[in-house]
Amino acid sequence: MSVIKRFVAGAVCPRCGEMDTIRVYRNEIREYRECVKCDYVDGQNLDGSPEEAELETRVNKQQPKQAEPKPDPNPAAQPLMFVPNPGQKKKE
């Protein structure tokens, strides 16, 4: 069986942004689209099954849960607020 590649009128390449450079073809399992200008290739399964698992990187890796902060050992302590001395004049 020979593969028939067809251009898609008005389609814009997601990589280079050129119009009318995308062609589509398929085999028994997947459908592909490719750009003839920048060699962009993308595919999807015809039956709707999910793609292969994405490689784990630091960007898409699940972050470990942060430990909850420890309770304050002295809950009666209050913060100090420093205010300027009312007897001093402000410098201008």
PDB file of N, CA and C in Angstrom:
ATOM      1  N   MET A   1       0.849  -1.179   0.000  1.00  0.00           N
ATOM      2  CA  MET A   1       0.000   0.000   0.000  1.00  0.00           C
ATOM      3  C   MET A   1       0.891   1.238   0.000  1.00  0.00           C
ATOM      4  N   SER A   2       0.681   2.119  -0.935  1.00  0.00           N
ATOM      5  CA  SER A   2       1.476   3.341  -1.004  1.00  0.00           C
ATOM      6  C   SER A   2       0.841   4.419  -0.126  1.00  0.00           C
ATOM      7  N   VAL A   3       1.659   5.270   0.422  1.00  0.00           N
ATOM      8  CA  VAL A   3       1.199   6.346   1.294  1.00  0.00           C
ATOM      9  C   VAL A   3       0.864   7.558   0.437  1.00  0.00           C
ATOM     10  N   ILE A   4      -0.334   8.088   0.616  1.00  0.00           N
ATOM     11  CA  ILE A   4      -0.769   9.277  -0.114  1.00  0.00           C
ATOM     12  C   ILE A   4      -0.670  10.456   0.834  1.00  0.00           C
ATOM     13  N   LYS A   5       0.157  11.435   0.464  1.00  0.00           N
ATOM     14  CA  LYS A   5       0.333  12.632   1.277  1.00  0.00           C
ATOM     15  C   LYS A   5      -0.440  13.763   0.623  1.00  0.00           C
ATOM     16  N   ARG A   6      -1.293  14.435   1.423  1.00  0.00           N
ATOM     17  CA  ARG A   6      -2.152  15.494   0.906  1.00  0.00           C
ATOM     18  C   ARG A   6      -1.881  16.802   1.636  1.00  0.00           C
ATOM     19  N   PHE A   7      -1.812  17.892   0.890  1.00  0.00           N
ATOM     20  CA  PHE A   7      -1.653  19.209   1.497  1.00  0.00           C
ATOM     21  C   PHE A   7      -2.978  19.667   2.068  1.00  0.00           C
ATOM     22  N   VAL A   8      -2.925  20.392   3.167  1.00  0.00           N
ATOM     23  CA  VAL A   8      -4.114  20.939   3.815  1.00  0.00           C
ATOM     24  C   VAL A   8      -4.152  22.435   3.515  1.00  0.00           C
ATOM     25  N   ALA A   9      -5.159  22.862   2.783  1.00  0.00           N
ATOM     26  CA  ALA A   9      -5.265  24.266   2.382  1.00  0.00           C
ATOM     27  C   ALA A   9      -5.535  25.149   3.590  1.00  0.00           C
ATOM     28  N   GLY A  10      -4.743  26.196   3.734  1.00  0.00           N
ATOM     29  CA  GLY A  10      -4.936  27.161   4.811  1.00  0.00           C
ATOM     30  C   GLY A  10      -4.330  26.767   6.138  1.00  0.00           C
ATOM     31  N   ALA A  11      -3.717  25.580   6.222  1.00  0.00           N
ATOM     32  CA  ALA A  11      -3.112  25.146   7.482  1.00  0.00           C
ATOM     33  C   ALA A  11      -1.806  25.891   7.713  1.00  0.00           C
ATOM     34  N   VAL A  12      -1.563  26.257   8.971  1.00  0.00           N
ATOM     35  CA  VAL A  12      -0.357  26.994   9.352  1.00  0.00           C
ATOM     36  C   VAL A  12       0.517  26.081  10.201  1.00  0.00           C
ATOM     37  N   CYS A  13       1.800  26.041   9.894  1.00  0.00           N
ATOM     38  CA  CYS A  13       2.744  25.214  10.646  1.00  0.00           C
ATOM     39  C   CYS A  13       2.917  25.782  12.050  1.00  0.00           C
ATOM     40  N   PRO A  14       2.806  24.952  13.096  1.00  0.00           N
ATOM     41  CA  PRO A  14       2.973  25.458  14.457  1.00  0.00           C
ATOM     42  C   PRO A  14       4.407  25.852  14.779  1.00  0.00           C
ATOM     43  N   ARG A  15       5.383  25.363  14.050  1.00  0.00           N
ATOM     44  CA  ARG A  15       6.771  25.703  14.327  1.00  0.00           C
ATOM     45  C   ARG A  15       7.226  26.949  13.571  1.00  0.00           C
ATOM     46  N   CYS A  16       7.106  26.949  12.241  1.00  0.00           N
ATOM     47  CA  CYS A  16       7.651  28.065  11.450  1.00  0.00           C
ATOM     48  C   CYS A  16       6.602  29.115  11.103  1.00  0.00           C
ATOM     49  N   GLY A  17       5.310  28.805  11.230  1.00  0.00           N
ATOM     50  CA  GLY A  17       4.261  29.782  10.977  1.00  0.00           C
ATOM     51  C   GLY A  17       3.919  29.990   9.510  1.00  0.00           C
ATOM     52  N   GLU A  18       4.480  29.192   8.610  1.00  0.00           N
ATOM     53  CA  GLU A  18       4.186  29.325   7.173  1.00  0.00           C
ATOM     54  C   GLU A  18       2.835  28.699   6.859  1.00  0.00           C
ATOM     55  N   MET A  19       2.100  29.318   5.951  1.00  0.00           N
ATOM     56  CA  MET A  19       0.794  28.806   5.547  1.00  0.00           C
ATOM     57  C   MET A  19       0.934  27.923   4.310  1.00  0.00           C
ATOM     58  N   ASP A  20       0.086  26.922   4.213  1.00  0.00           N
ATOM     59  CA  ASP A  20       0.011  25.993   3.075  1.00  0.00           C
ATOM     60  C   ASP A  20       1.279  25.162   2.893  1.00  0.00           C
ATOM     61  N   THR A  21       1.933  24.792   3.990  1.00  0.00           N
ATOM     62  CA  THR A  21       3.112  23.924   3.906  1.00  0.00           C
ATOM     63  C   THR A  21       2.894  22.613   4.649  1.00  0.00           C
ATOM     64  N   ILE A  22       1.699  22.399   5.208  1.00  0.00           N
ATOM     65  CA  ILE A  22       1.398  21.191   5.978  1.00  0.00           C
ATOM     66  C   ILE A  22       0.773  20.145   5.067  1.00  0.00           C
ATOM     67  N   ARG A  23       1.295  18.928   5.141  1.00  0.00           N
ATOM     68  CA  ARG A  23       0.656  17.811   4.444  1.00  0.00           C
ATOM     69  C   ARG A  23       0.368  16.710   5.448  1.00  0.00           C
ATOM     70  N   VAL A  24      -0.679  15.928   5.167  1.00  0.00           N
ATOM     71  CA  VAL A  24      -1.180  14.911   6.078  1.00  0.00           C
ATOM     72  C   VAL A  24      -1.130  13.560   5.381  1.00  0.00           C
ATOM     73  N   TYR A  25      -0.746  12.542   6.152  1.00  0.00           N
ATOM     74  CA  TYR A  25      -0.785  11.164   5.650  1.00  0.00           C
ATOM     75  C   TYR A  25      -1.024  10.239   6.822  1.00  0.00           C
ATOM     76  N   ARG A  26      -1.386   8.993   6.543  1.00  0.00           N
ATOM     77  CA  ARG A  26      -1.685   8.048   7.611  1.00  0.00           C
ATOM     78  C   ARG A  26      -1.250   6.654   7.223  1.00  0.00           C
ATOM     79  N   ASN A  27      -1.044   5.837   8.259  1.00  0.00           N
ATOM     80  CA  ASN A  27      -0.860   4.398   8.070  1.00  0.00           C
ATOM     81  C   ASN A  27      -2.003   3.708   8.798  1.00  0.00           C
ATOM     82  N   GLU A  28      -1.881   2.420   9.071  1.00  0.00           N
ATOM     83  CA  GLU A  28      -2.989   1.687   9.696  1.00  0.00           C
ATOM     84  C   GLU A  28      -3.242   2.109  11.137  1.00  0.00           C
ATOM     85  N   ILE A  29      -2.241   2.670  11.815  1.00  0.00           N
ATOM     86  CA  ILE A  29      -2.344   2.954  13.248  1.00  0.00           C
ATOM     87  C   ILE A  29      -2.403   4.453  13.546  1.00  0.00           C
ATOM     88  N   ARG A  30      -1.607   5.256  12.841  1.00  0.00           N
ATOM     89  CA  ARG A  30      -1.446   6.675  13.175  1.00  0.00           C
ATOM     90  C   ARG A  30      -1.697   7.582  11.979  1.00  0.00           C
ATOM     91  N   GLU A  31      -2.024   8.828  12.291  1.00  0.00           N
ATOM     92  CA  GLU A  31      -2.146   9.871  11.287  1.00  0.00           C
ATOM     93  C   GLU A  31      -1.061  10.914  11.579  1.00  0.00           C
ATOM     94  N   TYR A  32      -0.367  11.359  10.549  1.00  0.00           N
ATOM     95  CA  TYR A  32       0.754  12.269  10.700  1.00  0.00           C
ATOM     96  C   TYR A  32       0.496  13.561   9.953  1.00  0.00           C
ATOM     97  N   ARG A  33       1.128  14.636  10.425  1.00  0.00           N
ATOM     98  CA  ARG A  33       1.168  15.893   9.688  1.00  0.00           C
ATOM     99  C   ARG A  33       2.607  16.364   9.715  1.00  0.00           C
ATOM    100  N   GLU A  34       3.039  16.918   8.599  1.00  0.00           N
ATOM    101  CA  GLU A  34       4.421  17.369   8.502  1.00  0.00           C
ATOM    102  C   GLU A  34       4.485  18.649   7.685  1.00  0.00           C
ATOM    103  N   CYS A  35       5.494  19.463   7.976  1.00  0.00           N
ATOM    104  CA  CYS A  35       5.727  20.711   7.255  1.00  0.00           C
ATOM    105  C   CYS A  35       6.850  20.474   6.255  1.00  0.00           C
ATOM    106  N   VAL A  36       6.651  20.912   5.014  1.00  0.00           N
ATOM    107  CA  VAL A  36       7.676  20.707   3.995  1.00  0.00           C
ATOM    108  C   VAL A  36       8.765  21.775   4.069  1.00  0.00           C
ATOM    109  N   LYS A  37       8.547  22.859   4.817  1.00  0.00           N
ATOM    110  CA  LYS A  37       9.555  23.921   4.951  1.00  0.00           C
ATOM    111  C   LYS A  37      10.537  23.648   6.083  1.00  0.00           C
ATOM    112  N   CYS A  38      10.020  23.326   7.280  1.00  0.00           N
ATOM    113  CA  CYS A  38      10.899  23.221   8.453  1.00  0.00           C
ATOM    114  C   CYS A  38      11.019  21.793   8.986  1.00  0.00           C
ATOM    115  N   ASP A  39      10.468  20.799   8.325  1.00  0.00           N
ATOM    116  CA  ASP A  39      10.550  19.381   8.719  1.00  0.00           C
ATOM    117  C   ASP A  39       9.878  19.083  10.048  1.00  0.00           C
ATOM    118  N   TYR A  40       8.877  19.870  10.437  1.00  0.00           N
ATOM    119  CA  TYR A  40       8.087  19.591  11.628  1.00  0.00           C
ATOM    120  C   TYR A  40       7.241  18.346  11.369  1.00  0.00           C
ATOM    121  N   VAL A  41       7.188  17.416  12.344  1.00  0.00           N
ATOM    122  CA  VAL A  41       6.373  16.204  12.222  1.00  0.00           C
ATOM    123  C   VAL A  41       5.604  16.006  13.517  1.00  0.00           C
ATOM    124  N   ASP A  42       4.319  15.676  13.388  1.00  0.00           N
ATOM    125  CA  ASP A  42       3.466  15.427  14.541  1.00  0.00           C
ATOM    126  C   ASP A  42       2.544  14.273  14.173  1.00  0.00           C
ATOM    127  N   GLY A  43       2.120  13.495  15.155  1.00  0.00           N
ATOM    128  CA  GLY A  43       1.230  12.377  14.868  1.00  0.00           C
ATOM    129  C   GLY A  43       0.275  12.108  15.997  1.00  0.00           C
ATOM    130  N   GLN A  44      -0.795  11.390  15.672  1.00  0.00           N
ATOM    131  CA  GLN A  44      -1.764  10.978  16.688  1.00  0.00           C
ATOM    132  C   GLN A  44      -2.336   9.630  16.297  1.00  0.00           C
ATOM    133  N   ASN A  45      -2.781   8.868  17.303  1.00  0.00           N
ATOM    134  CA  ASN A  45      -3.355   7.553  17.054  1.00  0.00           C
ATOM    135  C   ASN A  45      -4.757   7.700  16.478  1.00  0.00           C
ATOM    136  N   LEU A  46      -5.094   6.840  15.528  1.00  0.00           N
ATOM    137  CA  LEU A  46      -6.416   6.900  14.899  1.00  0.00           C
ATOM    138  C   LEU A  46      -7.529   6.439  15.830  1.00  0.00           C
ATOM    139  N   ASP A  47      -7.229   5.523  16.747  1.00  0.00           N
ATOM    140  CA  ASP A  47      -8.264   4.987  17.634  1.00  0.00           C
ATOM    141  C   ASP A  47      -8.482   5.838  18.883  1.00  0.00           C
ATOM    142  N   GLY A  48      -7.725   6.924  19.037  1.00  0.00           N
ATOM    143  CA  GLY A  48      -7.911   7.806  20.180  1.00  0.00           C
ATOM    144  C   GLY A  48      -7.172   7.375  21.425  1.00  0.00           C
ATOM    145  N   SER A  49      -6.377   6.312  21.339  1.00  0.00           N
ATOM    146  CA  SER A  49      -5.628   5.876  22.510  1.00  0.00           C
ATOM    147  C   SER A  49      -4.545   6.900  22.835  1.00  0.00           C
ATOM    148  N   PRO A  50      -4.132   6.996  24.087  1.00  0.00           N
ATOM    149  CA  PRO A  50      -3.145   8.012  24.469  1.00  0.00           C
ATOM    150  C   PRO A  50      -1.782   7.765  23.839  1.00  0.00           C
ATOM    151  N   GLU A  51      -1.024   8.833  23.742  1.00  0.00           N
ATOM    152  CA  GLU A  51       0.320   8.778  23.178  1.00  0.00           C
ATOM    153  C   GLU A  51       1.258   8.049  24.141  1.00  0.00           C
ATOM    154  N   GLU A  52       2.479   7.835  23.689  1.00  0.00           N
ATOM    155  CA  GLU A  52       3.478   7.244  24.549  1.00  0.00           C
ATOM    156  C   GLU A  52       3.726   8.178  25.724  1.00  0.00           C
ATOM    157  N   ALA A  53       4.226   7.625  26.816  1.00  0.00           N
ATOM    158  CA  ALA A  53       4.471   8.429  28.005  1.00  0.00           C
ATOM    159  C   ALA A  53       5.570   9.455  27.727  1.00  0.00           C
ATOM    160  N   GLU A  54       5.374  10.644  28.228  1.00  0.00           N
ATOM    161  CA  GLU A  54       6.348  11.712  28.058  1.00  0.00           C
ATOM    162  C   GLU A  54       7.531  11.467  28.985  1.00  0.00           C
ATOM    163  N   LEU A  55       8.721  11.775  28.514  1.00  0.00           N
ATOM    164  CA  LEU A  55       9.902  11.630  29.340  1.00  0.00           C
ATOM    165  C   LEU A  55       9.803  12.545  30.547  1.00  0.00           C
ATOM    166  N   GLU A  56      10.215  12.045  31.702  1.00  0.00           N
ATOM    167  CA  GLU A  56      10.129  12.843  32.916  1.00  0.00           C
ATOM    168  C   GLU A  56      11.298  13.812  32.978  1.00  0.00           C
ATOM    169  N   THR A  57      10.972  15.083  33.156  1.00  0.00           N
ATOM    170  CA  THR A  57      11.984  16.118  33.283  1.00  0.00           C
ATOM    171  C   THR A  57      11.725  16.889  34.562  1.00  0.00           C
ATOM    172  N   ARG A  58      12.605  17.822  34.878  1.00  0.00           N
ATOM    173  CA  ARG A  58      12.401  18.602  36.101  1.00  0.00           C
ATOM    174  C   ARG A  58      11.185  19.511  35.992  1.00  0.00           C
ATOM    175  N   VAL A  59      10.734  19.775  34.766  1.00  0.00           N
ATOM    176  CA  VAL A  59       9.586  20.653  34.572  1.00  0.00           C
ATOM    177  C   VAL A  59       8.275  19.913  34.796  1.00  0.00           C
ATOM    178  N   ASN A  60       8.169  18.673  34.307  1.00  0.00           N
ATOM    179  CA  ASN A  60       6.898  17.961  34.416  1.00  0.00           C
ATOM    180  C   ASN A  60       6.880  16.937  35.545  1.00  0.00           C
ATOM    181  N   LYS A  61       7.935  16.866  36.351  1.00  0.00           N
ATOM    182  CA  LYS A  61       8.012  15.903  37.455  1.00  0.00           C
ATOM    183  C   LYS A  61       7.127  16.370  38.602  1.00  0.00           C
ATOM    184  N   GLN A  62       6.476  15.430  39.273  1.00  0.00           N
ATOM    185  CA  GLN A  62       5.661  15.754  40.433  1.00  0.00           C
ATOM    186  C   GLN A  62       6.555  16.210  41.572  1.00  0.00           C
ATOM    187  N   GLN A  63       6.203  17.335  42.178  1.00  0.00           N
ATOM    188  CA  GLN A  63       6.983  17.874  43.285  1.00  0.00           C
ATOM    189  C   GLN A  63       6.583  17.164  44.578  1.00  0.00           C
ATOM    190  N   PRO A  64       7.554  16.844  45.437  1.00  0.00           N
ATOM    191  CA  PRO A  64       7.195  16.222  46.719  1.00  0.00           C
ATOM    192  C   PRO A  64       6.425  17.224  47.582  1.00  0.00           C
ATOM    193  N   LYS A  65       5.581  16.703  48.437  1.00  0.00           N
ATOM    194  CA  LYS A  65       4.789  17.569  49.301  1.00  0.00           C
ATOM    195  C   LYS A  65       5.706  18.289  50.279  1.00  0.00           C
ATOM    196  N   GLN A  66       5.379  19.543  50.538  1.00  0.00           N
ATOM    197  CA  GLN A  66       6.138  20.328  51.494  1.00  0.00           C
ATOM    198  C   GLN A  66       5.738  19.905  52.908  1.00  0.00           C
ATOM    199  N   ALA A  67       6.715  19.830  53.800  1.00  0.00           N
ATOM    200  CA  ALA A  67       6.424  19.484  55.194  1.00  0.00           C
ATOM    201  C   ALA A  67       5.656  20.637  55.830  1.00  0.00           C
ATOM    202  N   GLU A  68       4.716  20.281  56.692  1.00  0.00           N
ATOM    203  CA  GLU A  68       3.939  21.314  57.366  1.00  0.00           C
ATOM    204  C   GLU A  68       4.836  22.025  58.374  1.00  0.00           C
ATOM    205  N   PRO A  69       4.657  23.329  58.555  1.00  0.00           N
ATOM    206  CA  PRO A  69       5.495  24.048  59.511  1.00  0.00           C
ATOM    207  C   PRO A  69       5.248  23.557  60.931  1.00  0.00           C
ATOM    208  N   LYS A  70       6.317  23.562  61.715  1.00  0.00           N
ATOM    209  CA  LYS A  70       6.196  23.111  63.105  1.00  0.00           C
ATOM    210  C   LYS A  70       5.428  24.150  63.901  1.00  0.00           C
ATOM    211  N   PRO A  71       4.651  23.715  64.886  1.00  0.00           N
ATOM    212  CA  PRO A  71       3.922  24.688  65.708  1.00  0.00           C
ATOM    213  C   PRO A  71       4.903  25.514  66.543  1.00  0.00           C
ATOM    214  N   ASP A  72       4.497  26.749  66.850  1.00  0.00           N
ATOM    215  CA  ASP A  72       5.332  27.661  67.623  1.00  0.00           C
ATOM    216  C   ASP A  72       5.471  27.134  69.047  1.00  0.00           C
ATOM    217  N   PRO A  73       6.718  26.959  69.550  1.00  0.00           N
ATOM    218  CA  PRO A  73       6.873  26.424  70.903  1.00  0.00           C
ATOM    219  C   PRO A  73       6.431  27.417  71.969  1.00  0.00           C
ATOM    220  N   ASN A  74       6.394  28.721  71.680  1.00  0.00           N
ATOM    221  CA  ASN A  74       5.984  29.727  72.648  1.00  0.00           C
ATOM    222  C   ASN A  74       4.839  30.543  72.056  1.00  0.00           C
ATOM    223  N   PRO A  75       3.607  30.038  72.149  1.00  0.00           N
ATOM    224  CA  PRO A  75       2.492  30.742  71.504  1.00  0.00           C
ATOM    225  C   PRO A  75       2.145  32.073  72.170  1.00  0.00           C
ATOM    226  N   ALA A  76       2.619  32.309  73.406  1.00  0.00           N
ATOM    227  CA  ALA A  76       2.293  33.556  74.089  1.00  0.00           C
ATOM    228  C   ALA A  76       3.194  34.698  73.633  1.00  0.00           C
ATOM    229  N   ALA A  77       4.272  34.416  72.904  1.00  0.00           N
ATOM    230  CA  ALA A  77       5.176  35.472  72.454  1.00  0.00           C
ATOM    231  C   ALA A  77       4.485  36.332  71.403  1.00  0.00           C
ATOM    232  N   GLN A  78       4.717  37.636  71.509  1.00  0.00           N
ATOM    233  CA  GLN A  78       4.123  38.549  70.552  1.00  0.00           C
ATOM    234  C   GLN A  78       5.221  39.331  69.856  1.00  0.00           C
ATOM    235  N   PRO A  79       5.008  39.716  68.607  1.00  0.00           N
ATOM    236  CA  PRO A  79       6.044  40.471  67.901  1.00  0.00           C
ATOM    237  C   PRO A  79       6.187  41.881  68.471  1.00  0.00           C
ATOM    238  N   LEU A  80       7.394  42.423  68.404  1.00  0.00           N
ATOM    239  CA  LEU A  80       7.653  43.789  68.842  1.00  0.00           C
ATOM    240  C   LEU A  80       7.469  44.734  67.674  1.00  0.00           C
ATOM    241  N   MET A  81       6.893  45.905  67.962  1.00  0.00           N
ATOM    242  CA  MET A  81       6.742  46.918  66.932  1.00  0.00           C
ATOM    243  C   MET A  81       7.572  48.116  67.363  1.00  0.00           C
ATOM    244  N   PHE A  82       8.492  48.527  66.502  1.00  0.00           N
ATOM    245  CA  PHE A  82       9.342  49.674  66.789  1.00  0.00           C
ATOM    246  C   PHE A  82       8.724  50.904  66.134  1.00  0.00           C
ATOM    247  N   VAL A  83       8.534  51.940  66.957  1.00  0.00           N
ATOM    248  CA  VAL A  83       7.995  53.197  66.452  1.00  0.00           C
ATOM    249  C   VAL A  83       9.022  54.291  66.706  1.00  0.00           C
ATOM    250  N   PRO A  84       9.047  55.335  65.909  1.00  0.00           N
ATOM    251  CA  PRO A  84      10.024  56.398  66.141  1.00  0.00           C
ATOM    252  C   PRO A  84       9.750  57.125  67.453  1.00  0.00           C
ATOM    253  N   ASN A  85      10.800  57.669  68.039  1.00  0.00           N
ATOM    254  CA  ASN A  85      10.698  58.400  69.298  1.00  0.00           C
ATOM    255  C   ASN A  85       9.917  59.685  69.050  1.00  0.00           C
ATOM    256  N   PRO A  86       8.823  59.919  69.758  1.00  0.00           N
ATOM    257  CA  PRO A  86       8.022  61.105  69.494  1.00  0.00           C
ATOM    258  C   PRO A  86       8.717  62.400  69.894  1.00  0.00           C
ATOM    259  N   GLY A  87       9.754  62.343  70.726  1.00  0.00           N
ATOM    260  CA  GLY A  87      10.444  63.554  71.174  1.00  0.00           C
ATOM    261  C   GLY A  87      11.436  64.071  70.145  1.00  0.00           C
ATOM    262  N   GLN A  88      11.816  63.284  69.163  1.00  0.00           N
ATOM    263  CA  GLN A  88      12.788  63.718  68.178  1.00  0.00           C
ATOM    264  C   GLN A  88      12.074  64.333  66.981  1.00  0.00           C
ATOM    265  N   LYS A  89      12.722  65.353  66.398  1.00  0.00           N
ATOM    266  CA  LYS A  89      12.155  65.988  65.213  1.00  0.00           C
ATOM    267  C   LYS A  89      12.658  65.246  63.970  1.00  0.00           C
ATOM    268  N   LYS A  90      11.828  65.227  62.958  1.00  0.00           N
ATOM    269  CA  LYS A  90      12.220  64.588  61.695  1.00  0.00           C
ATOM    270  C   LYS A  90      13.193  65.484  60.956  1.00  0.00           C
ATOM    271  N   LYS A  91      14.185  64.857  60.325  1.00  0.00           N
ATOM    272  CA  LYS A  91      15.121  65.605  59.501  1.00  0.00           C
ATOM    273  C   LYS A  91      14.510  65.826  58.129  1.00  0.00           C
ATOM    274  N   GLU A  92      14.666  67.016  57.610  1.00  0.00           N
ATOM    275  CA  GLU A  92      14.109  67.323  56.289  1.00  0.00           C
ATOM    276  C   GLU A  92      15.187  67.559  55.286  1.00  0.00           C
TER     277      GLU A  92
END
